[in-house]
Amino acid sequence: MNDHELLERLRSGDGDAFDAIFREHYARLVGLAESMLRDRAAAEEIAQDVMLELWKRRDSLRLEATLRAYLLRATRNRSLNRVRHQRIVQRAEPFAADEIAPVAPADRETVQSEIDAALRDAVDGLPPRCREVFELSRVQGLSYAEIAHAMEISVKTVEAQMGKALRTLRERLAPWLPAGNGT
């Protein structure tokens, strides 16, 4: 069965088509992510996220290339996002250690849930188009060109909307950010 037939079956909610796609591509996606992250568990998580997103977006999914190319690109983008995030965390560790007093585990969970809620509120408070661009980029891992194509807008518009989203989020999340780190 070719990609076109599998995608048509997938769009109609055929679980067997999804299973076939999963069996065909999952190991390759894990291998790609693991080669980038050097962490098997994180690689499996990313591959599972990509597959889950494929299922969630099955109705609106339009491929420019092959299904394999789409899945590999999505895995690559998510892996790169994870690497970038890890680098940011590593760079922030010295600041966090200097500025944050030791916190009990229960308090850490409370603080983390408050930060998560503040982030959700800040993202939900973005204008609709701005929020959609932000989520496609940061949650879905799409490139600006892919977002522009999917939303039928220019790459410059995507860049402008992302800039607006990041400025707004920075302002709304300022109380949660360490002071003096260039925010």
C-alpha atoms as a PDB file:
ATOM      1  CA  MET A   1       0.000   0.000   0.000  1.00  0.00           C
ATOM      2  CA  ASN A   2       1.445   3.400  -0.953  1.00  0.00           C
ATOM      3  CA  ASP A   3       1.591   6.600   1.137  1.00  0.00           C
ATOM      4  CA  HIS A   4      -1.419   8.127  -0.576  1.00  0.00           C
ATOM      5  CA  GLU A   5      -3.647   5.138   0.182  1.00  0.00           C
ATOM      6  CA  LEU A   6      -2.403   4.914   3.777  1.00  0.00           C
ATOM      7  CA  LEU A   7      -3.031   8.626   4.331  1.00  0.00           C
ATOM      8  CA  GLU A   8      -6.538   8.386   2.917  1.00  0.00           C
ATOM      9  CA  ARG A   9      -7.307   5.504   5.260  1.00  0.00           C
ATOM     10  CA  LEU A  10      -5.678   7.379   8.136  1.00  0.00           C
ATOM     11  CA  ARG A  11      -7.794  10.492   7.429  1.00  0.00           C
ATOM     12  CA  SER A  12     -10.909   8.373   7.694  1.00  0.00           C
ATOM     13  CA  GLY A  13      -9.789   7.237  11.168  1.00  0.00           C
ATOM     14  CA  ASP A  14      -8.586   3.759  10.179  1.00  0.00           C
ATOM     15  CA  GLY A  15      -6.565   2.451  13.120  1.00  0.00           C
ATOM     16  CA  ASP A  16      -5.036  -0.315  11.002  1.00  0.00           C
ATOM     17  CA  ALA A  17      -3.544   2.294   8.664  1.00  0.00           C
ATOM     18  CA  PHE A  18      -2.052   4.103  11.644  1.00  0.00           C
ATOM     19  CA  ASP A  19      -0.652   0.813  12.969  1.00  0.00           C
ATOM     20  CA  ALA A  20       0.934   0.117   9.584  1.00  0.00           C
ATOM     21  CA  ILE A  21       2.517   3.572   9.503  1.00  0.00           C
ATOM     22  CA  PHE A  22       3.702   3.192  13.090  1.00  0.00           C
ATOM     23  CA  ARG A  23       5.290  -0.216  12.464  1.00  0.00           C
ATOM     24  CA  GLU A  24       6.922   1.000   9.257  1.00  0.00           C
ATOM     25  CA  HIS A  25       8.469   4.215  10.596  1.00  0.00           C
ATOM     26  CA  TYR A  26       8.753   4.139  14.390  1.00  0.00           C
ATOM     27  CA  ALA A  27      12.158   2.430  14.671  1.00  0.00           C
ATOM     28  CA  ARG A  28      13.673   4.799  12.087  1.00  0.00           C
ATOM     29  CA  LEU A  29      12.296   7.828  13.955  1.00  0.00           C
ATOM     30  CA  VAL A  30      13.697   6.587  17.268  1.00  0.00           C
ATOM     31  CA  GLY A  31      17.071   5.990  15.596  1.00  0.00           C
ATOM     32  CA  LEU A  32      17.165   9.506  14.159  1.00  0.00           C
ATOM     33  CA  ALA A  33      16.192  11.130  17.451  1.00  0.00           C
ATOM     34  CA  GLU A  34      18.651   8.991  19.403  1.00  0.00           C
ATOM     35  CA  SER A  35      21.493   9.911  17.038  1.00  0.00           C
ATOM     36  CA  MET A  36      20.781  13.572  17.778  1.00  0.00           C
ATOM     37  CA  LEU A  37      20.013  13.350  21.506  1.00  0.00           C
ATOM     38  CA  ARG A  38      22.181  10.433  22.662  1.00  0.00           C
ATOM     39  CA  ASP A  39      19.310   9.446  24.949  1.00  0.00           C
ATOM     40  CA  ARG A  40      17.149   6.433  24.089  1.00  0.00           C
ATOM     41  CA  ALA A  41      14.261   7.317  26.395  1.00  0.00           C
ATOM     42  CA  ALA A  42      14.038  10.883  25.071  1.00  0.00           C
ATOM     43  CA  ALA A  43      14.275   9.560  21.504  1.00  0.00           C
ATOM     44  CA  GLU A  44      11.382   7.168  22.083  1.00  0.00           C
ATOM     45  CA  GLU A  45       9.346   9.972  23.644  1.00  0.00           C
ATOM     46  CA  ILE A  46       9.927  12.192  20.614  1.00  0.00           C
ATOM     47  CA  ALA A  47       9.047   9.424  18.151  1.00  0.00           C
ATOM     48  CA  GLN A  48       5.859   8.712  20.100  1.00  0.00           C
ATOM     49  CA  ASP A  49       5.002  12.427  20.131  1.00  0.00           C
ATOM     50  CA  VAL A  50       5.481  12.618  16.359  1.00  0.00           C
ATOM     51  CA  MET A  51       3.224   9.623  15.835  1.00  0.00           C
ATOM     52  CA  LEU A  52       0.619  10.982  18.231  1.00  0.00           C
ATOM     53  CA  GLU A  53       0.673  14.309  16.403  1.00  0.00           C
ATOM     54  CA  LEU A  54       0.241  12.471  13.091  1.00  0.00           C
ATOM     55  CA  TRP A  55      -2.901  10.857  14.477  1.00  0.00           C
ATOM     56  CA  LYS A  56      -4.209  14.137  15.884  1.00  0.00           C
ATOM     57  CA  ARG A  57      -3.577  16.059  12.657  1.00  0.00           C
ATOM     58  CA  ARG A  58      -4.684  13.304  10.298  1.00  0.00           C
ATOM     59  CA  ASP A  59      -7.694  15.280   9.042  1.00  0.00           C
ATOM     60  CA  SER A  60      -5.732  18.385   8.079  1.00  0.00           C
ATOM     61  CA  LEU A  61      -2.426  16.803   7.084  1.00  0.00           C
ATOM     62  CA  ARG A  62      -1.195  17.744   3.611  1.00  0.00           C
ATOM     63  CA  LEU A  63       2.174  16.389   2.537  1.00  0.00           C
ATOM     64  CA  GLU A  64       4.548  18.146   0.170  1.00  0.00           C
ATOM     65  CA  ALA A  65       6.789  15.088  -0.023  1.00  0.00           C
ATOM     66  CA  THR A  66       6.539  11.499   1.187  1.00  0.00           C
ATOM     67  CA  LEU A  67       5.110  10.414   4.509  1.00  0.00           C
ATOM     68  CA  ARG A  68       8.564   9.188   5.492  1.00  0.00           C
ATOM     69  CA  ALA A  69      10.082  12.611   4.738  1.00  0.00           C
ATOM     70  CA  TYR A  70       7.356  14.322   6.766  1.00  0.00           C
ATOM     71  CA  LEU A  71       7.883  12.038   9.776  1.00  0.00           C
ATOM     72  CA  LEU A  72      11.662  12.348   9.626  1.00  0.00           C
ATOM     73  CA  ARG A  73      11.464  16.139   9.419  1.00  0.00           C
ATOM     74  CA  ALA A  74       9.026  16.306  12.338  1.00  0.00           C
ATOM     75  CA  THR A  75      11.327  14.065  14.383  1.00  0.00           C
ATOM     76  CA  ARG A  76      14.374  16.117  13.429  1.00  0.00           C
ATOM     77  CA  ASN A  77      12.632  19.381  14.359  1.00  0.00           C
ATOM     78  CA  ARG A  78      11.454  18.053  17.723  1.00  0.00           C
ATOM     79  CA  SER A  79      14.915  16.665  18.447  1.00  0.00           C
ATOM     80  CA  LEU A  80      16.522  20.000  17.597  1.00  0.00           C
ATOM     81  CA  ASN A  81      14.021  21.765  19.838  1.00  0.00           C
ATOM     82  CA  ARG A  82      14.928  19.373  22.663  1.00  0.00           C
ATOM     83  CA  VAL A  83      18.675  20.008  22.105  1.00  0.00           C
ATOM     84  CA  ARG A  84      18.083  23.788  22.122  1.00  0.00           C
ATOM     85  CA  HIS A  85      16.034  23.497  25.297  1.00  0.00           C
ATOM     86  CA  GLN A  86      18.758  21.426  26.982  1.00  0.00           C
ATOM     87  CA  ARG A  87      21.370  24.048  26.063  1.00  0.00           C
ATOM     88  CA  ILE A  88      19.215  26.818  27.513  1.00  0.00           C
ATOM     89  CA  VAL A  89      18.731  24.850  30.710  1.00  0.00           C
ATOM     90  CA  GLN A  90      22.485  24.215  30.966  1.00  0.00           C
ATOM     91  CA  ARG A  91      23.264  27.909  30.432  1.00  0.00           C
ATOM     92  CA  ALA A  92      20.663  28.920  33.018  1.00  0.00           C
ATOM     93  CA  GLU A  93      21.845  26.507  35.725  1.00  0.00           C
ATOM     94  CA  PRO A  94      24.533  28.824  37.156  1.00  0.00           C
ATOM     95  CA  PHE A  95      22.021  31.678  37.386  1.00  0.00           C
ATOM     96  CA  ALA A  96      19.390  29.462  38.935  1.00  0.00           C
ATOM     97  CA  ALA A  97      21.821  28.079  41.511  1.00  0.00           C
ATOM     98  CA  ASP A  98      22.904  31.598  42.532  1.00  0.00           C
ATOM     99  CA  GLU A  99      19.455  33.159  42.693  1.00  0.00           C
ATOM    100  CA  ILE A 100      17.153  30.460  43.963  1.00  0.00           C
ATOM    101  CA  ALA A 101      17.230  29.284  47.525  1.00  0.00           C
ATOM    102  CA  PRO A 102      16.876  25.548  48.111  1.00  0.00           C
ATOM    103  CA  VAL A 103      13.256  24.530  47.792  1.00  0.00           C
ATOM    104  CA  ALA A 104      11.600  21.516  49.343  1.00  0.00           C
ATOM    105  CA  PRO A 105      10.323  18.921  46.822  1.00  0.00           C
ATOM    106  CA  ALA A 106       6.664  19.669  47.623  1.00  0.00           C
ATOM    107  CA  ASP A 107       7.319  23.389  47.143  1.00  0.00           C
ATOM    108  CA  ARG A 108       9.115  22.705  43.856  1.00  0.00           C
ATOM    109  CA  GLU A 109       6.028  20.920  42.559  1.00  0.00           C
ATOM    110  CA  THR A 110       3.833  23.833  43.633  1.00  0.00           C
ATOM    111  CA  VAL A 111       6.133  26.387  42.005  1.00  0.00           C
ATOM    112  CA  GLN A 112       6.342  24.299  38.839  1.00  0.00           C
ATOM    113  CA  SER A 113       2.564  23.975  38.624  1.00  0.00           C
ATOM    114  CA  GLU A 114       2.234  27.740  39.104  1.00  0.00           C
ATOM    115  CA  ILE A 115       4.764  28.378  36.342  1.00  0.00           C
ATOM    116  CA  ASP A 116       2.972  25.911  34.054  1.00  0.00           C
ATOM    117  CA  ALA A 117      -0.361  27.633  34.740  1.00  0.00           C
ATOM    118  CA  ALA A 118       1.176  31.068  34.098  1.00  0.00           C
ATOM    119  CA  LEU A 119       2.642  29.831  30.815  1.00  0.00           C
ATOM    120  CA  ARG A 120      -0.678  28.309  29.709  1.00  0.00           C
ATOM    121  CA  ASP A 121      -2.495  31.532  30.604  1.00  0.00           C
ATOM    122  CA  ALA A 122       0.090  33.632  28.778  1.00  0.00           C
ATOM    123  CA  VAL A 123      -0.141  31.493  25.619  1.00  0.00           C
ATOM    124  CA  ASP A 124      -3.952  31.410  25.816  1.00  0.00           C
ATOM    125  CA  GLY A 125      -3.927  35.203  26.104  1.00  0.00           C
ATOM    126  CA  LEU A 126      -2.135  35.667  22.790  1.00  0.00           C
ATOM    127  CA  PRO A 127      -4.186  36.886  19.821  1.00  0.00           C
ATOM    128  CA  PRO A 128      -5.527  33.864  17.861  1.00  0.00           C
ATOM    129  CA  ARG A 129      -3.209  34.111  14.832  1.00  0.00           C
ATOM    130  CA  CYS A 130      -0.208  34.852  17.027  1.00  0.00           C
ATOM    131  CA  ARG A 131      -1.031  31.875  19.277  1.00  0.00           C
ATOM    132  CA  GLU A 132      -1.467  29.570  16.279  1.00  0.00           C
ATOM    133  CA  VAL A 133       1.927  30.551  14.846  1.00  0.00           C
ATOM    134  CA  PHE A 134       3.564  30.135  18.262  1.00  0.00           C
ATOM    135  CA  GLU A 135       2.029  26.686  18.843  1.00  0.00           C
ATOM    136  CA  LEU A 136       2.869  25.452  15.342  1.00  0.00           C
ATOM    137  CA  SER A 137       6.466  26.501  15.888  1.00  0.00           C
ATOM    138  CA  ARG A 138       7.087  25.600  19.508  1.00  0.00           C
ATOM    139  CA  VAL A 139       4.640  22.756  20.088  1.00  0.00           C
ATOM    140  CA  GLN A 140       4.450  21.138  16.651  1.00  0.00           C
ATOM    141  CA  GLY A 141       8.067  21.872  15.730  1.00  0.00           C
ATOM    142  CA  LEU A 142       7.244  23.269  12.281  1.00  0.00           C
ATOM    143  CA  SER A 143       9.662  25.592  10.505  1.00  0.00           C
ATOM    144  CA  TYR A 144       8.605  29.113   9.623  1.00  0.00           C
ATOM    145  CA  ALA A 145       8.291  28.074   5.968  1.00  0.00           C
ATOM    146  CA  GLU A 146       6.055  25.139   6.911  1.00  0.00           C
ATOM    147  CA  ILE A 147       3.908  27.402   9.085  1.00  0.00           C
ATOM    148  CA  ALA A 148       3.638  29.964   6.283  1.00  0.00           C
ATOM    149  CA  HIS A 149       2.550  27.251   3.883  1.00  0.00           C
ATOM    150  CA  ALA A 150       0.054  25.702   6.304  1.00  0.00           C
ATOM    151  CA  MET A 151      -1.521  29.050   7.231  1.00  0.00           C
ATOM    152  CA  GLU A 152      -1.247  30.493   3.711  1.00  0.00           C
ATOM    153  CA  ILE A 153       0.697  33.545   4.902  1.00  0.00           C
ATOM    154  CA  SER A 154       4.199  34.827   4.150  1.00  0.00           C
ATOM    155  CA  VAL A 155       7.300  33.779   6.073  1.00  0.00           C
ATOM    156  CA  LYS A 156       7.744  37.450   7.057  1.00  0.00           C
ATOM    157  CA  THR A 157       4.274  37.405   8.626  1.00  0.00           C
ATOM    158  CA  VAL A 158       5.208  34.243  10.541  1.00  0.00           C
ATOM    159  CA  GLU A 159       8.399  35.956  11.767  1.00  0.00           C
ATOM    160  CA  ALA A 160       6.455  39.041  12.838  1.00  0.00           C
ATOM    161  CA  GLN A 161       3.817  36.970  14.668  1.00  0.00           C
ATOM    162  CA  MET A 162       6.508  34.906  16.449  1.00  0.00           C
ATOM    163  CA  GLY A 163       8.327  38.073  17.493  1.00  0.00           C
ATOM    164  CA  LYS A 164       5.080  39.491  18.869  1.00  0.00           C
ATOM    165  CA  ALA A 165       4.305  36.215  20.684  1.00  0.00           C
ATOM    166  CA  LEU A 166       7.759  36.008  22.274  1.00  0.00           C
ATOM    167  CA  ARG A 167       7.713  39.672  23.384  1.00  0.00           C
ATOM    168  CA  THR A 168       4.257  39.241  24.897  1.00  0.00           C
ATOM    169  CA  LEU A 169       5.187  35.994  26.663  1.00  0.00           C
ATOM    170  CA  ARG A 170       8.402  37.546  28.000  1.00  0.00           C
ATOM    171  CA  GLU A 171       6.403  40.445  29.452  1.00  0.00           C
ATOM    172  CA  ARG A 172       3.681  38.248  30.957  1.00  0.00           C
ATOM    173  CA  LEU A 173       6.135  35.746  32.398  1.00  0.00           C
ATOM    174  CA  ALA A 174       8.602  38.344  33.738  1.00  0.00           C
ATOM    175  CA  PRO A 175       7.692  37.585  37.379  1.00  0.00           C
ATOM    176  CA  TRP A 176       8.780  33.979  36.849  1.00  0.00           C
ATOM    177  CA  LEU A 177      12.054  34.752  35.072  1.00  0.00           C
ATOM    178  CA  PRO A 178      15.312  35.262  36.993  1.00  0.00           C
ATOM    179  CA  ALA A 179      16.257  38.946  37.192  1.00  0.00           C
ATOM    180  CA  GLY A 180      19.247  40.266  35.273  1.00  0.00           C
ATOM    181  CA  ASN A 181      19.518  37.549  32.625  1.00  0.00           C
ATOM    182  CA  GLY A 182      18.723  39.754  29.646  1.00  0.00           C
ATOM    183  CA  THR A 183      14.952  39.316  29.707  1.00  0.00           C
END
